[in-house]
N, C-alpha and C. Protein backbone atom coordinates (compact mmCIF):
# COMPACT_ATOMS: atom_id res chain seq x y z
N UNK A 1 69.75 -37.24 -48.19
CA UNK A 1 69.77 -37.35 -46.74
C UNK A 1 70.10 -38.78 -46.37
N UNK A 2 71.05 -38.94 -45.51
CA UNK A 2 71.47 -40.26 -45.05
C UNK A 2 71.78 -40.15 -43.58
N UNK A 3 71.27 -41.07 -42.77
CA UNK A 3 71.50 -41.01 -41.33
C UNK A 3 71.76 -42.40 -40.80
N UNK A 4 72.45 -42.47 -39.69
CA UNK A 4 72.69 -43.74 -39.01
C UNK A 4 72.34 -43.54 -37.55
N UNK A 5 71.71 -44.55 -36.97
CA UNK A 5 71.31 -44.48 -35.57
C UNK A 5 71.86 -45.70 -34.85
N UNK A 6 72.25 -45.50 -33.61
CA UNK A 6 72.79 -46.58 -32.80
C UNK A 6 72.02 -46.65 -31.50
N UNK A 7 71.70 -47.86 -31.08
CA UNK A 7 71.03 -48.05 -29.80
C UNK A 7 71.85 -49.05 -28.99
N UNK A 8 72.04 -48.75 -27.72
CA UNK A 8 72.80 -49.62 -26.84
C UNK A 8 71.85 -50.20 -25.80
N UNK A 9 71.84 -51.52 -25.69
CA UNK A 9 71.06 -52.20 -24.67
C UNK A 9 71.97 -53.17 -23.94
N UNK A 10 71.64 -53.41 -22.70
CA UNK A 10 72.38 -54.39 -21.93
C UNK A 10 71.53 -55.64 -21.78
N UNK A 11 72.04 -56.75 -22.28
CA UNK A 11 71.37 -58.04 -22.17
C UNK A 11 72.31 -58.97 -21.41
N UNK A 12 71.87 -59.40 -20.24
CA UNK A 12 72.70 -60.24 -19.37
C UNK A 12 74.06 -59.60 -19.11
N UNK A 13 74.02 -58.32 -18.79
CA UNK A 13 75.22 -57.52 -18.51
C UNK A 13 76.21 -57.46 -19.66
N UNK A 14 75.75 -57.65 -20.87
CA UNK A 14 76.59 -57.51 -22.06
C UNK A 14 76.03 -56.40 -22.93
N UNK A 15 76.92 -55.60 -23.49
CA UNK A 15 76.50 -54.52 -24.36
C UNK A 15 76.04 -55.09 -25.70
N UNK A 16 74.85 -54.72 -26.13
CA UNK A 16 74.32 -55.13 -27.42
C UNK A 16 73.97 -53.86 -28.20
N UNK A 17 74.64 -53.67 -29.33
CA UNK A 17 74.40 -52.50 -30.17
C UNK A 17 73.47 -52.87 -31.32
N UNK A 18 72.58 -51.95 -31.64
CA UNK A 18 71.70 -52.09 -32.77
C UNK A 18 71.91 -50.87 -33.67
N UNK A 19 72.10 -51.12 -34.95
CA UNK A 19 72.35 -50.05 -35.90
C UNK A 19 71.23 -50.00 -36.93
N UNK A 20 70.84 -48.79 -37.29
CA UNK A 20 69.85 -48.59 -38.34
C UNK A 20 70.37 -47.51 -39.28
N UNK A 21 70.36 -47.80 -40.56
CA UNK A 21 70.77 -46.81 -41.56
C UNK A 21 69.53 -46.39 -42.33
N UNK A 22 69.37 -45.10 -42.51
CA UNK A 22 68.19 -44.55 -43.16
C UNK A 22 68.64 -43.69 -44.33
N UNK A 23 68.09 -43.98 -45.49
CA UNK A 23 68.40 -43.19 -46.68
C UNK A 23 67.14 -42.56 -47.24
N UNK A 24 67.20 -41.30 -47.54
CA UNK A 24 66.04 -40.60 -48.08
C UNK A 24 65.84 -40.87 -49.56
N UNK A 25 66.88 -41.35 -50.23
CA UNK A 25 66.79 -41.60 -51.66
C UNK A 25 67.84 -42.64 -52.04
N UNK A 26 67.54 -43.41 -53.04
CA UNK A 26 68.52 -44.38 -53.53
C UNK A 26 69.57 -43.71 -54.41
N UNK A 27 69.35 -42.45 -54.76
CA UNK A 27 70.30 -41.71 -55.58
C UNK A 27 71.63 -41.50 -54.87
N UNK A 28 71.64 -41.61 -53.56
CA UNK A 28 72.88 -41.44 -52.80
C UNK A 28 73.91 -42.48 -53.23
N UNK A 29 73.44 -43.68 -53.58
CA UNK A 29 74.34 -44.77 -53.98
C UNK A 29 74.41 -44.94 -55.49
N UNK A 30 73.98 -43.94 -56.24
CA UNK A 30 74.05 -44.01 -57.70
C UNK A 30 75.51 -44.01 -58.14
N UNK A 31 75.77 -44.66 -59.25
CA UNK A 31 77.14 -44.80 -59.75
C UNK A 31 77.80 -43.45 -59.99
N UNK A 32 77.06 -42.48 -60.48
CA UNK A 32 77.60 -41.15 -60.76
C UNK A 32 78.16 -40.51 -59.49
N UNK A 33 77.42 -40.61 -58.40
CA UNK A 33 77.85 -39.98 -57.16
C UNK A 33 78.94 -40.78 -56.45
N UNK A 34 78.92 -42.10 -56.60
CA UNK A 34 79.94 -42.92 -55.95
C UNK A 34 81.30 -42.79 -56.63
N UNK A 35 81.31 -42.59 -57.93
CA UNK A 35 82.57 -42.50 -58.66
C UNK A 35 83.16 -41.09 -58.66
N UNK A 36 82.38 -40.11 -58.27
CA UNK A 36 82.86 -38.73 -58.25
C UNK A 36 83.55 -38.44 -56.91
N UNK A 37 84.67 -37.74 -56.97
CA UNK A 37 85.38 -37.35 -55.75
C UNK A 37 84.83 -36.06 -55.15
N UNK A 38 83.95 -35.38 -55.87
CA UNK A 38 83.43 -34.10 -55.40
C UNK A 38 82.42 -34.27 -54.27
N UNK A 39 81.70 -35.36 -54.24
CA UNK A 39 80.63 -35.54 -53.26
C UNK A 39 81.08 -36.30 -52.02
N UNK A 40 81.93 -37.27 -52.14
CA UNK A 40 82.37 -38.05 -50.99
C UNK A 40 81.37 -39.10 -50.55
N UNK A 41 80.40 -39.42 -51.40
CA UNK A 41 79.40 -40.41 -51.04
C UNK A 41 80.01 -41.79 -50.82
N UNK A 42 81.06 -42.10 -51.58
CA UNK A 42 81.70 -43.40 -51.46
C UNK A 42 82.29 -43.57 -50.06
N UNK A 43 82.96 -42.54 -49.55
CA UNK A 43 83.56 -42.63 -48.23
C UNK A 43 82.52 -42.70 -47.13
N UNK A 44 81.46 -41.92 -47.27
CA UNK A 44 80.39 -41.92 -46.27
C UNK A 44 79.69 -43.28 -46.25
N UNK A 45 79.36 -43.80 -47.42
CA UNK A 45 78.68 -45.09 -47.50
C UNK A 45 79.58 -46.21 -46.99
N UNK A 46 80.85 -46.15 -47.30
CA UNK A 46 81.79 -47.16 -46.82
C UNK A 46 81.88 -47.13 -45.29
N UNK A 47 81.94 -45.95 -44.70
CA UNK A 47 82.01 -45.82 -43.24
C UNK A 47 80.75 -46.34 -42.58
N UNK A 48 79.60 -46.06 -43.18
CA UNK A 48 78.35 -46.55 -42.60
C UNK A 48 78.25 -48.06 -42.69
N UNK A 49 78.63 -48.62 -43.82
CA UNK A 49 78.59 -50.08 -43.95
C UNK A 49 79.58 -50.74 -42.99
N UNK A 50 80.69 -50.09 -42.76
CA UNK A 50 81.67 -50.62 -41.82
C UNK A 50 81.10 -50.61 -40.40
N UNK A 51 80.38 -49.54 -40.04
CA UNK A 51 79.76 -49.47 -38.72
C UNK A 51 78.64 -50.49 -38.58
N UNK A 52 77.87 -50.69 -39.63
CA UNK A 52 76.76 -51.64 -39.58
C UNK A 52 77.24 -53.08 -39.59
N UNK A 53 78.39 -53.34 -40.19
CA UNK A 53 78.82 -54.70 -40.40
C UNK A 53 79.80 -55.21 -39.37
N UNK A 54 79.71 -54.79 -38.14
CA UNK A 54 80.65 -55.23 -37.11
C UNK A 54 80.35 -56.62 -36.60
N UNK A 55 79.11 -57.03 -36.62
CA UNK A 55 78.75 -58.34 -36.08
C UNK A 55 78.78 -59.37 -37.18
N UNK A 56 79.26 -60.54 -36.84
CA UNK A 56 79.33 -61.64 -37.80
C UNK A 56 77.96 -62.30 -37.90
N UNK A 57 77.48 -62.45 -39.11
CA UNK A 57 76.19 -63.10 -39.36
C UNK A 57 76.43 -64.23 -40.34
N UNK A 58 75.95 -65.43 -40.04
CA UNK A 58 76.15 -66.54 -40.99
C UNK A 58 75.47 -66.25 -42.32
N UNK A 59 76.13 -66.60 -43.40
CA UNK A 59 75.61 -66.31 -44.73
C UNK A 59 74.47 -67.24 -45.10
N UNK A 60 74.50 -68.47 -44.64
CA UNK A 60 73.51 -69.46 -45.08
C UNK A 60 72.31 -69.54 -44.13
N UNK A 61 71.69 -68.41 -43.84
CA UNK A 61 70.49 -68.41 -43.03
C UNK A 61 69.30 -68.88 -43.85
N UNK A 62 68.47 -69.70 -43.25
CA UNK A 62 67.27 -70.17 -43.94
C UNK A 62 66.20 -69.08 -43.91
N UNK A 63 65.48 -68.95 -45.03
CA UNK A 63 64.39 -67.99 -45.14
C UNK A 63 63.17 -68.55 -44.44
N UNK A 64 62.55 -67.76 -43.58
CA UNK A 64 61.34 -68.18 -42.89
C UNK A 64 60.27 -67.12 -43.11
N UNK A 65 59.09 -67.55 -43.47
CA UNK A 65 57.99 -66.63 -43.71
C UNK A 65 57.44 -66.19 -42.36
N UNK A 66 57.39 -64.88 -42.16
CA UNK A 66 56.87 -64.33 -40.91
C UNK A 66 55.36 -64.47 -40.84
N UNK A 67 54.69 -64.14 -41.93
CA UNK A 67 53.24 -64.21 -41.97
C UNK A 67 52.81 -64.47 -43.40
N UNK A 68 51.87 -65.36 -43.56
CA UNK A 68 51.40 -65.72 -44.90
C UNK A 68 49.96 -65.26 -45.05
N UNK A 69 49.72 -64.33 -45.97
CA UNK A 69 48.37 -63.79 -46.18
C UNK A 69 47.85 -64.09 -47.58
N UNK A 70 48.25 -65.22 -48.13
CA UNK A 70 47.78 -65.56 -49.46
C UNK A 70 46.33 -66.03 -49.39
N UNK A 71 45.60 -65.78 -50.45
CA UNK A 71 44.21 -66.21 -50.54
C UNK A 71 44.16 -67.56 -51.25
N UNK A 72 43.42 -68.47 -50.67
CA UNK A 72 43.25 -69.78 -51.29
C UNK A 72 41.84 -69.87 -51.86
N UNK A 73 41.62 -69.19 -52.97
CA UNK A 73 40.32 -69.17 -53.63
C UNK A 73 40.44 -69.73 -55.03
N UNK A 74 39.44 -70.50 -55.40
CA UNK A 74 39.38 -70.93 -56.79
C UNK A 74 38.68 -69.84 -57.60
N UNK A 75 38.71 -69.95 -58.90
CA UNK A 75 38.04 -68.96 -59.74
C UNK A 75 36.53 -69.00 -59.53
N UNK A 76 36.00 -70.18 -59.33
CA UNK A 76 34.55 -70.31 -59.10
C UNK A 76 34.14 -69.63 -57.79
N UNK A 77 34.95 -69.81 -56.73
CA UNK A 77 34.63 -69.16 -55.46
C UNK A 77 34.75 -67.64 -55.57
N UNK A 78 35.75 -67.18 -56.28
CA UNK A 78 35.91 -65.74 -56.46
C UNK A 78 34.73 -65.16 -57.24
N UNK A 79 34.28 -65.87 -58.26
CA UNK A 79 33.12 -65.41 -59.03
C UNK A 79 31.87 -65.39 -58.16
N UNK A 80 31.70 -66.42 -57.35
CA UNK A 80 30.53 -66.50 -56.46
C UNK A 80 30.53 -65.33 -55.48
N UNK A 81 31.66 -65.04 -54.84
CA UNK A 81 31.72 -63.93 -53.89
C UNK A 81 31.54 -62.58 -54.58
N UNK A 82 31.99 -62.46 -55.79
CA UNK A 82 31.79 -61.22 -56.55
C UNK A 82 30.31 -60.99 -56.80
N UNK A 83 29.60 -62.03 -57.17
CA UNK A 83 28.15 -61.92 -57.40
C UNK A 83 27.43 -61.57 -56.11
N UNK A 84 27.82 -62.22 -55.01
CA UNK A 84 27.17 -61.95 -53.73
C UNK A 84 27.35 -60.48 -53.34
N UNK A 85 28.57 -59.97 -53.44
CA UNK A 85 28.82 -58.61 -52.99
C UNK A 85 28.34 -57.53 -53.96
N UNK A 86 28.20 -57.85 -55.23
CA UNK A 86 27.77 -56.83 -56.18
C UNK A 86 26.29 -56.89 -56.53
N UNK A 87 25.66 -58.05 -56.36
CA UNK A 87 24.25 -58.17 -56.73
C UNK A 87 23.34 -58.50 -55.55
N UNK A 88 23.68 -59.53 -54.79
CA UNK A 88 22.77 -60.02 -53.75
C UNK A 88 22.65 -59.01 -52.60
N UNK A 89 23.76 -58.57 -52.04
CA UNK A 89 23.69 -57.63 -50.92
C UNK A 89 23.01 -56.31 -51.30
N UNK A 90 23.35 -55.69 -52.43
CA UNK A 90 22.61 -54.48 -52.80
C UNK A 90 21.12 -54.74 -53.02
N UNK A 91 20.77 -55.92 -53.55
CA UNK A 91 19.35 -56.25 -53.75
C UNK A 91 18.62 -56.36 -52.42
N UNK A 92 19.28 -56.94 -51.42
CA UNK A 92 18.66 -57.05 -50.08
C UNK A 92 18.43 -55.66 -49.49
N UNK A 93 19.42 -54.77 -49.59
CA UNK A 93 19.25 -53.43 -49.05
C UNK A 93 18.23 -52.63 -49.85
N UNK A 94 18.16 -52.83 -51.15
CA UNK A 94 17.15 -52.14 -51.96
C UNK A 94 15.75 -52.62 -51.59
N UNK A 95 15.59 -53.91 -51.38
CA UNK A 95 14.27 -54.45 -50.99
C UNK A 95 13.86 -53.91 -49.63
N UNK A 96 14.81 -53.85 -48.69
CA UNK A 96 14.48 -53.30 -47.37
C UNK A 96 14.10 -51.83 -47.50
N UNK A 97 14.77 -51.09 -48.36
CA UNK A 97 14.43 -49.69 -48.57
C UNK A 97 13.05 -49.52 -49.17
N UNK A 98 12.70 -50.38 -50.12
CA UNK A 98 11.37 -50.31 -50.74
C UNK A 98 10.30 -50.62 -49.70
N UNK A 99 10.53 -51.63 -48.86
CA UNK A 99 9.55 -51.99 -47.81
C UNK A 99 9.35 -50.82 -46.86
N UNK A 100 10.43 -50.19 -46.42
CA UNK A 100 10.32 -49.06 -45.50
C UNK A 100 9.61 -47.89 -46.19
N UNK A 101 9.93 -47.64 -47.46
CA UNK A 101 9.29 -46.55 -48.19
C UNK A 101 7.78 -46.78 -48.31
N UNK A 102 7.39 -48.01 -48.67
CA UNK A 102 5.96 -48.31 -48.83
C UNK A 102 5.23 -48.22 -47.50
N UNK A 103 5.80 -48.72 -46.41
CA UNK A 103 5.14 -48.66 -45.10
C UNK A 103 4.96 -47.22 -44.64
N UNK A 104 5.94 -46.39 -44.85
CA UNK A 104 5.83 -45.00 -44.42
C UNK A 104 4.85 -44.22 -45.32
N UNK A 105 4.77 -44.62 -46.54
CA UNK A 105 3.89 -43.95 -47.49
C UNK A 105 2.43 -44.21 -47.17
N UNK A 106 2.12 -45.42 -46.70
CA UNK A 106 0.74 -45.82 -46.48
C UNK A 106 0.33 -45.73 -45.02
N UNK A 107 1.14 -45.20 -44.13
CA UNK A 107 0.74 -45.08 -42.73
C UNK A 107 0.11 -43.78 -42.44
């Protein structure tokens, strides 16, 4: 399955087209299908790339990180947080459970 979508918007009274190509599988562009004349994938893919590539885009665009979600933890901090979440917090909840159990038992 391969589809192409076009959207037309007017920005400052100028037509601006946006193209999106959607492929259901990367097998559409496999060498076997592109080299075979029985399927016609080469012609379809070429036409889609031609439609998508109408606007000139500079090749030397700088890469910019949109969002950085890296963790800045040392091994010691990671070990400390692991101990807190696996031992300390369950111990606090277990102690609270024991206190509630004993109070209800003796009331």
